[in-house]
Protein backbone atom coordinates (compact mmCIF):
# COMPACT_ATOMS: atom_id res chain seq x y z
CA MET A 1 190.50 156.74 92.66
CA ALA A 2 187.95 154.02 93.33
CA ASN A 3 187.56 150.44 92.13
CA ILE A 4 183.93 150.27 91.01
CA LEU A 5 181.44 147.50 90.20
CA LEU A 6 178.78 148.52 87.64
CA VAL A 7 175.40 146.82 87.80
CA ASP A 8 172.73 147.53 85.18
CA ASP A 9 170.68 145.24 82.97
CA SER A 10 171.29 147.60 80.03
CA ALA A 11 174.68 147.09 78.36
CA PHE A 12 174.22 150.53 76.79
CA MET A 13 173.83 152.18 80.22
CA ARG A 14 176.85 150.29 81.58
CA LYS A 15 178.89 151.63 78.64
CA ILE A 16 177.77 155.22 79.37
CA GLU A 17 178.55 154.75 83.07
CA ARG A 18 181.92 153.09 82.33
CA ASP A 19 182.97 155.93 80.00
CA ALA A 20 181.96 158.61 82.51
CA LEU A 21 183.66 156.88 85.45
CA GLU A 22 186.87 156.08 83.58
CA ASN A 23 187.06 159.70 82.43
CA MET A 24 186.92 160.65 86.13
CA GLY A 25 189.88 158.35 86.78
CA HIS A 26 188.03 155.42 88.37
CA VAL A 27 188.66 151.77 87.55
CA ILE A 28 185.79 149.46 86.59
CA ILE A 29 186.73 146.12 88.13
CA GLY A 30 183.53 144.28 87.24
CA GLU A 31 180.12 144.48 85.61
CA ALA A 32 176.86 142.68 86.26
CA SER A 33 173.49 142.68 84.49
CA ASN A 34 171.28 141.65 87.43
CA GLY A 35 171.23 141.52 91.20
CA LYS A 36 172.40 137.90 91.46
CA GLU A 37 175.45 138.64 89.32
CA ALA A 38 176.06 141.78 91.41
CA ILE A 39 176.27 139.73 94.60
CA ASP A 40 178.68 137.25 92.98
CA GLN A 41 180.83 140.04 91.53
CA TYR A 42 180.85 141.89 94.86
CA GLN A 43 182.14 138.81 96.67
CA LYS A 44 184.75 138.19 93.96
CA PHE A 45 186.14 141.74 93.70
CA VAL A 46 185.12 143.53 96.96
CA PRO A 47 184.96 146.92 95.19
CA ASP A 48 185.30 150.30 96.86
CA LEU A 49 181.93 151.26 95.40
CA VAL A 50 178.96 149.68 93.61
CA ILE A 51 176.83 151.68 91.19
CA MET A 52 173.60 149.75 90.74
CA ASP A 53 170.36 150.11 88.82
CA ILE A 54 167.19 149.46 90.78
CA THR A 55 165.01 147.77 88.17
CA MET A 56 166.64 144.56 86.89
CA PRO A 57 165.64 140.98 86.11
CA GLU A 58 166.17 137.99 88.43
CA LEU A 59 166.97 140.07 91.52
CA ASN A 60 166.34 143.80 91.62
CA GLY A 61 168.76 146.38 93.00
CA VAL A 62 166.95 146.79 96.31
CA GLU A 63 167.12 143.06 97.05
CA ALA A 64 170.78 142.95 95.95
CA VAL A 65 171.61 145.85 98.30
CA LYS A 66 170.08 143.93 101.21
CA VAL A 67 172.21 140.86 100.48
CA ILE A 68 175.43 142.80 99.88
CA LYS A 69 174.97 144.81 103.08
CA THR A 70 174.45 141.53 104.98
CA LEU A 71 177.72 140.21 103.53
CA ASP A 72 179.57 143.51 104.09
CA PRO A 73 177.89 146.13 106.29
CA LYS A 74 180.48 148.72 105.15
CA ALA A 75 179.66 148.26 101.44
CA LYS A 76 179.17 151.57 99.59
CA ILE A 77 176.38 151.45 97.00
CA ILE A 78 174.98 154.23 94.84
CA MET A 79 171.61 153.41 93.30
CA LEU A 80 170.49 154.62 89.88
CA SER A 81 166.79 155.20 89.44
CA ALA A 82 164.56 156.29 86.59
CA MET A 83 162.04 159.02 87.35
CA GLY A 84 158.86 157.76 88.97
CA GLN A 85 160.57 155.20 91.21
CA ASP A 86 160.61 157.31 94.37
CA TYR A 87 159.24 154.53 96.58
CA MET A 88 162.00 152.22 95.36
CA VAL A 89 164.66 154.84 96.09
CA ILE A 90 163.34 155.20 99.65
CA GLU A 91 163.36 151.42 100.04
CA ALA A 92 166.91 151.21 98.65
CA ILE A 93 168.23 153.85 101.05
CA SER A 94 166.48 152.22 104.00
CA SER A 95 167.99 148.88 102.90
CA GLY A 96 171.50 150.29 103.07
CA ALA A 97 172.25 152.14 99.83
CA SER A 98 174.56 155.10 100.42
CA ASP A 99 173.02 157.46 97.87
CA PHE A 100 170.96 157.56 94.70
CA ILE A 101 171.09 159.31 91.35
CA VAL A 102 168.22 159.81 88.92
CA LYS A 103 168.70 158.52 85.38
CA PRO A 104 169.65 159.86 82.99
CA PHE A 105 172.44 161.12 85.23
CA GLN A 106 174.63 164.15 84.78
CA ASN A 107 178.37 163.52 85.17
CA ASP A 108 178.78 166.27 87.78
CA LYS A 109 176.00 164.76 89.92
CA LEU A 110 177.63 161.33 89.63
CA MET A 111 181.02 162.74 90.61
CA GLU A 112 179.52 164.61 93.56
CA SER A 113 177.74 161.47 94.80
CA ILE A 114 180.90 159.36 94.49
CA HIS A 115 182.95 161.89 96.46
CA LYS A 116 180.28 162.07 99.16
CA VAL A 117 179.92 158.29 99.48
CA LEU A 118 183.66 157.57 99.41
CA ALA A 119 184.30 160.28 102.01
CA THR A 120 182.05 158.33 104.39
CA LYS A 121 184.11 155.19 103.62
CA GLU A 122 187.23 156.89 104.93
CA MET A 123 185.44 157.56 108.23
CA ASP A 124 184.33 153.92 108.69
């Protein structure tokens, strides 16, 4: 299974994500509450996958994706977005995010996205 970095400014959402991902057999190797922390944690752990919120303080998810993809063009990042943020989702994907999921997410959608994104990693 994958080593995953969770990035969300809500500790409650990170807990929900952690529980869902660990139940799927994944390992959470780091957590961050904003985009700046995400970049630092990415460089420290080099995870197989990043699951990142879009709207966060200090540095939002879109900006963090841009930096991470500059550091590692093969980085795999799934963005989480609340409804009504379609323009941000489009920007995130065009900035290098591998996929996106609408919050609140359903576990089967999350699992499907992870499998899809990690399958592309094996082809890199």
